[in-house]
C-alpha cells in the first residue's frame, strides 16, 4: 500500500466529517507539500530518514516552522490511523518536530480600541458593534459568527457557546454593553446574529489599516488582526486584577498554559496574594 492510499482512507473516514475549511487546509498541505515527496512511497519502505528528508524539503521551501509542524503532524496522524486500521504494521517513524513560539501577543490599548470603533462607525456601524461585542466577550471569530438567537439566554445575561475549537461548550456572561448590542441585532435576525458580516471581513482590515496599527510591522505576532480583539479582552481583564483561572474559563482554554501568557500583565497579583495571608 502506498502512502497516498492511506491518505485516501483518511480522507474518507476522518476528514470527511471536518468543516469545509479544515478539509481544504489539510488537503492543501497533503497535495502541495507531502504527496509530491512521499505520496508514491510504499508504507513498508517509510523510514525515519524519509521523514527527515521531508522536513528538510519543507524548510528549504521557506515555509514557516508552524507550517512545517502542521504538515508533519498531518502525516503522523495519517500513519497512526493506517496502523490502527491494520493497513500497515508499522512501526511509525520518529518525528522530530520544529519548535516555535507563534503566539500572538498584540492587544489594543483603550485609546486604540476607541479609535478602531470610531473608524468603523463611518464604514460600517455593524462592524463597529461587532468589534465592541468581541472586546466585551472575547469570542473567537468562528464562535461569534455562528452565534444564534437560540443560544442567548432569555435574560440576555449569558451566551451559550457550542461546537468550539476545543470541543468544550461554555457559557459566556454578557455585560451591559454586550447586551445592548445584542438587543439591536436579535430583532433583525431569527438565526445567526452577526452572520451577515462574516462575508465582509475586508471592512475590518481596512479600518485597521486606516488606523495605522500595522504600519511597519512585519512580525505576524505583533500585527493587529481580528483575533487581537480576543487578546485585548483577556489582557484588559488581567490588568484589572481578574484571576487567570477566571480568564481561562471565559476564553474557553483547554490548557491553563495558554492563559499564562497573560500573567506578565499583572505582576503585582502574586505580591497581593501573599500579602493577604494572616500573621501567625
Protein backbone atom coordinates (compact mmCIF):
# COMPACT_ATOMS: atom_id res chain seq x y z
CA UNK A 1 0.00 0.00 0.00
CA UNK A 2 1.26 3.44 -0.94
CA UNK A 3 1.22 6.44 1.38
CA UNK A 4 -1.32 8.15 -0.90
CA UNK A 5 -3.63 5.14 -0.47
CA UNK A 6 -3.53 5.59 3.31
CA UNK A 7 -4.33 9.26 2.77
CA UNK A 8 -7.38 8.32 0.68
CA UNK A 9 -8.73 6.26 3.58
CA UNK A 10 -8.02 9.12 5.97
CA UNK A 11 -9.96 11.49 3.71
CA UNK A 12 -12.99 9.21 3.59
CA UNK A 13 -13.09 8.11 7.21
CA UNK A 14 -11.78 11.11 9.16
CA UNK A 15 -11.52 14.26 7.09
CA UNK A 16 -14.99 13.92 5.57
CA UNK A 17 -16.57 14.89 8.90
CA UNK A 18 -14.47 18.06 9.28
CA UNK A 19 -15.56 21.53 8.22
CA UNK A 20 -15.07 22.59 4.61
CA UNK A 21 -12.34 25.00 5.70
CA UNK A 22 -10.48 22.32 7.67
CA UNK A 23 -10.75 19.85 4.78
CA UNK A 24 -9.40 22.40 2.32
CA UNK A 25 -6.48 23.24 4.58
CA UNK A 26 -5.48 19.63 5.19
CA UNK A 27 -5.92 18.62 1.56
CA UNK A 28 -3.77 21.55 0.50
CA UNK A 29 -0.99 20.53 2.86
CA UNK A 30 -1.08 16.97 1.59
CA UNK A 31 -1.36 17.69 -2.12
CA UNK A 32 1.17 20.52 -2.21
CA UNK A 33 3.77 19.54 0.38
CA UNK A 34 3.54 15.84 1.28
CA UNK A 35 2.29 13.87 -1.71
CA UNK A 36 4.88 15.17 -4.22
CA UNK A 37 7.69 13.99 -1.93
CA UNK A 38 6.38 10.77 -0.33
CA UNK A 39 2.98 10.02 -1.85
CA UNK A 40 4.08 7.14 -4.09
CA UNK A 41 6.30 5.54 -1.44
CA UNK A 42 5.08 2.13 -0.16
CA UNK A 43 4.31 2.29 3.56
CA UNK A 44 6.65 -0.63 4.27
CA UNK A 45 9.54 1.45 2.92
CA UNK A 46 8.80 4.50 5.05
CA UNK A 47 11.68 5.04 7.49
CA UNK A 48 12.99 7.77 9.76
CA UNK A 49 15.25 9.10 7.01
CA UNK A 50 12.26 9.82 4.73
CA UNK A 51 10.65 11.93 7.47
CA UNK A 52 13.87 13.89 7.91
CA UNK A 53 14.16 14.44 4.17
CA UNK A 54 10.55 15.64 4.01
CA UNK A 55 11.18 18.14 6.79
CA UNK A 56 14.30 19.39 5.04
CA UNK A 57 12.32 19.78 1.80
CA UNK A 58 9.63 21.80 3.59
CA UNK A 59 12.18 24.06 5.26
CA UNK A 60 14.03 24.64 2.00
CA UNK A 61 10.75 25.90 0.50
CA UNK A 62 10.89 28.71 3.02
CA UNK A 63 7.81 27.55 4.92
CA UNK A 64 7.33 28.83 8.46
CA UNK A 65 8.12 26.49 11.37
CA UNK A 66 4.40 26.39 12.13
CA UNK A 67 3.53 25.23 8.60
CA UNK A 68 6.28 22.59 8.73
CA UNK A 69 4.88 21.42 12.06
CA UNK A 70 1.33 21.16 10.67
CA UNK A 71 2.49 19.16 7.64
CA UNK A 72 4.47 16.69 9.74
CA UNK A 73 1.60 16.43 12.21
CA UNK A 74 -0.82 15.58 9.41
CA UNK A 75 1.47 12.88 8.07
CA UNK A 76 1.87 11.39 11.54
CA UNK A 77 -1.90 11.27 12.03
CA UNK A 78 -2.39 9.50 8.70
CA UNK A 79 0.25 6.91 9.61
CA UNK A 80 -1.27 6.31 13.05
CA UNK A 81 -4.69 5.76 11.52
CA UNK A 82 -3.26 3.44 8.89
CA UNK A 83 -1.74 1.33 11.65
CA UNK A 84 -4.95 1.39 13.72
CA UNK A 85 -6.93 0.22 10.69
CA UNK A 86 -4.41 -2.60 10.08
CA UNK A 87 -3.49 -1.25 6.67
CA UNK A 88 0.15 -1.35 7.72
CA UNK A 89 2.09 -2.99 10.55
CA UNK A 90 4.44 -0.08 11.27
CA UNK A 91 6.49 0.88 13.14
CA UNK A 92 5.67 4.59 12.91
CA UNK A 93 8.85 6.55 12.13
CA UNK A 94 10.28 9.07 14.58
CA UNK A 95 9.04 12.61 14.03
CA UNK A 96 11.33 15.41 15.23
CA UNK A 97 9.00 18.40 15.26
CA UNK A 98 10.18 22.01 14.89
CA UNK A 99 9.88 24.20 17.96
CA UNK A 100 8.47 27.68 17.71
CA UNK A 101 6.59 30.32 19.63
CA UNK A 102 3.92 31.55 17.27
CA UNK A 103 1.52 33.02 19.82
CA UNK A 104 0.19 36.47 19.06
CA UNK A 105 0.98 38.95 21.82
CA UNK A 106 -0.53 42.17 20.49
CA UNK A 107 -3.52 43.72 22.23
CA UNK A 108 -5.20 47.11 21.91
CA UNK A 109 -4.95 49.91 24.41
CA UNK A 110 -8.22 51.59 25.36
CA UNK A 111 -7.33 54.54 23.12
CA UNK A 112 -6.61 52.23 20.16
CA UNK A 113 -9.85 50.36 20.72
CA UNK A 114 -11.83 53.60 20.69
CA UNK A 115 -10.02 54.70 17.53
CA UNK A 116 -10.88 51.44 15.78
CA UNK A 117 -14.53 51.58 16.84
CA UNK A 118 -14.91 55.18 15.70
CA UNK A 119 -13.23 54.43 12.36
CA UNK A 120 -15.58 51.52 11.77
CA UNK A 121 -18.65 53.56 12.64
CA UNK A 122 -18.09 55.54 9.45
CA UNK A 123 -17.59 52.49 7.21
CA UNK A 124 -19.96 50.04 8.87
CA UNK A 125 -21.92 50.52 12.12
CA UNK A 126 -22.45 46.74 12.10
CA UNK A 127 -18.73 46.05 12.20
CA UNK A 128 -18.26 48.73 14.84
CA UNK A 129 -20.74 46.88 17.03
CA UNK A 130 -19.09 43.54 16.28
CA UNK A 131 -15.73 44.87 17.45
CA UNK A 132 -17.30 46.23 20.63
CA UNK A 133 -19.13 42.97 21.26
CA UNK A 134 -15.95 40.93 20.85
CA UNK A 135 -13.96 43.26 23.09
CA UNK A 136 -16.53 42.52 25.81
CA UNK A 137 -16.90 38.75 25.25
CA UNK A 138 -13.57 37.51 23.89
CA UNK A 139 -15.21 35.14 21.40
CA UNK A 140 -13.25 33.54 18.61
CA UNK A 141 -14.35 34.67 15.13
CA UNK A 142 -15.98 31.32 14.41
CA UNK A 143 -17.84 31.41 17.70
CA UNK A 144 -19.07 34.94 17.13
CA UNK A 145 -20.34 34.46 13.59
CA UNK A 146 -22.05 31.17 14.45
CA UNK A 147 -23.85 32.72 17.44
CA UNK A 148 -27.61 32.28 17.07
CA UNK A 149 -30.56 33.80 18.89
CA UNK A 150 -31.39 30.40 20.38
CA UNK A 151 -28.04 30.38 22.18
CA UNK A 152 -28.72 33.63 24.00
CA UNK A 153 -30.23 33.27 27.46
CA UNK A 154 -33.74 34.82 27.59
CA UNK A 155 -32.50 37.25 30.24
CA UNK A 156 -29.74 38.38 27.83
CA UNK A 157 -27.20 37.78 30.57
CA UNK A 158 -25.43 34.77 29.04
CA UNK A 159 -24.41 33.38 25.65
CA UNK A 160 -24.05 29.64 25.18
CA UNK A 161 -21.02 28.92 23.00
CA UNK A 162 -21.06 25.44 21.48
CA UNK A 163 -19.03 23.45 18.93
CA UNK A 164 -15.90 25.37 19.90
CA UNK A 165 -12.35 24.92 18.69
CA UNK A 166 -11.53 22.93 21.82
CA UNK A 167 -14.83 20.97 21.60
CA UNK A 168 -15.78 22.19 25.08
CA UNK A 169 -19.02 24.16 25.25
CA UNK A 170 -19.06 27.11 27.64
CA UNK A 171 -21.29 29.89 28.94
CA UNK A 172 -20.10 33.46 28.45
CA UNK A 173 -21.57 36.18 30.68
CA UNK A 174 -22.75 39.33 28.90
CA UNK A 175 -22.16 42.78 30.39
CA UNK A 176 -24.42 45.75 29.74
CA UNK A 177 -22.62 46.90 26.59
CA UNK A 178 -22.71 43.43 25.02
CA UNK A 179 -26.40 43.15 25.92
CA UNK A 180 -27.27 46.46 24.29
CA UNK A 181 -25.61 45.38 21.08
CA UNK A 182 -27.44 42.05 21.09
CA UNK A 183 -30.79 43.77 21.52
CA UNK A 184 -30.25 45.69 18.30
CA UNK A 185 -29.36 42.68 16.17
CA UNK A 186 -31.55 39.97 17.65
CA UNK A 187 -34.56 41.93 16.38
CA UNK A 188 -33.16 41.79 12.86
CA UNK A 189 -32.30 38.10 12.75
CA UNK A 190 -34.08 34.91 13.68
CA UNK A 191 -30.96 32.75 13.27
CA UNK A 192 -27.32 33.85 13.17
CA UNK A 193 -26.97 37.23 14.84
CA UNK A 194 -23.87 38.53 13.05
CA UNK A 195 -23.72 36.17 10.05
CA UNK A 196 -24.32 38.98 7.57
CA UNK A 197 -20.92 40.44 8.46
CA UNK A 198 -18.97 37.21 8.03
CA UNK A 199 -18.72 37.81 4.27
CA UNK A 200 -17.24 41.30 4.60
CA UNK A 201 -14.01 40.92 6.65
CA UNK A 202 -12.22 43.44 4.41
CA UNK A 203 -14.09 46.21 6.22
CA UNK A 204 -12.27 45.32 9.43
CA UNK A 205 -8.87 45.05 7.72
CA UNK A 206 -9.31 48.40 6.00
CA UNK A 207 -10.20 50.04 9.31
CA UNK A 208 -7.08 48.60 10.93
CA UNK A 209 -5.05 49.92 8.01
CA UNK A 210 -6.66 53.35 8.31
CA UNK A 211 -5.74 53.42 12.00
CA UNK A 212 -2.12 52.64 11.08
CA UNK A 213 -1.80 49.85 13.66
CA UNK A 214 0.24 47.58 11.38
CA UNK A 215 2.36 50.22 9.68
CA UNK A 216 5.94 48.97 9.55
CA UNK A 217 5.08 45.79 11.50
CA UNK A 218 6.36 42.60 9.87
CA UNK A 219 6.26 40.15 12.77
CA UNK A 220 2.82 38.49 12.49
CA UNK A 221 2.66 38.16 16.27
CA UNK A 222 2.63 41.94 16.57
CA UNK A 223 0.09 42.66 13.83
CA UNK A 224 -3.48 43.63 14.65
CA UNK A 225 -5.98 41.11 13.28
CA UNK A 226 -9.49 40.17 14.32
CA UNK A 227 -8.11 37.71 16.88
CA UNK A 228 -6.39 40.68 18.55
CA UNK A 229 -9.79 41.59 19.99
CA UNK A 230 -9.83 38.32 21.93
CA UNK A 231 -6.32 39.03 23.26
CA UNK A 232 -7.45 42.51 24.22
CA UNK A 233 -10.42 41.13 26.16
CA UNK A 234 -8.10 38.82 28.13
CA UNK A 235 -5.39 41.43 28.63
CA UNK A 236 -7.81 44.04 29.97
CA UNK A 237 -9.26 41.54 32.43
CA UNK A 238 -5.86 40.53 33.77
CA UNK A 239 -4.77 44.15 34.07
CA UNK A 240 -7.87 44.78 36.19
CA UNK A 241 -6.95 42.05 38.63
CA UNK A 242 -9.16 39.22 37.36
CA UNK A 243 -7.69 35.84 38.30
CA UNK A 244 -6.08 33.89 35.48
CA UNK A 245 -8.29 30.90 36.23
CA UNK A 246 -11.39 33.02 35.56
CA UNK A 247 -9.88 34.45 32.38
CA UNK A 248 -9.08 30.91 31.21
CA UNK A 249 -12.68 29.87 31.83
CA UNK A 250 -14.09 32.85 29.94
CA UNK A 251 -11.80 32.23 26.98
CA UNK A 252 -12.58 28.53 26.89
CA UNK A 253 -8.92 27.49 27.02
CA UNK A 254 -8.38 23.74 27.24
CA UNK A 255 -4.97 24.22 28.83
CA UNK A 256 -4.12 26.73 31.55
CA UNK A 257 -0.72 27.19 29.93
CA UNK A 258 -2.42 29.11 27.13
CA UNK A 259 -3.74 31.61 29.65
CA UNK A 260 -0.40 32.01 31.40
CA UNK A 261 0.86 34.14 28.51
CA UNK A 262 -1.10 37.00 30.10
CA UNK A 263 0.46 36.59 33.56
CA UNK A 264 3.10 39.27 32.95
CA UNK A 265 0.33 41.88 32.66
CA UNK A 266 -0.41 41.58 36.38
CA UNK A 267 2.99 41.28 38.10
CA UNK A 268 1.60 42.52 41.41
CA UNK A 269 -1.03 39.80 41.80
CA UNK A 270 1.44 37.42 43.41
CA UNK A 271 2.52 40.03 45.95
CA UNK A 272 -1.09 40.92 46.70
CA UNK A 273 -1.89 37.25 47.22
CA UNK A 274 0.90 36.56 49.74
CA UNK A 275 0.30 39.91 51.47
CA UNK A 276 -3.24 38.80 52.27
CA UNK A 277 -2.00 35.96 54.49
CA UNK A 278 -2.53 36.49 58.24
CA UNK A 279 0.21 36.91 60.80
CA UNK A 280 0.53 33.82 62.99
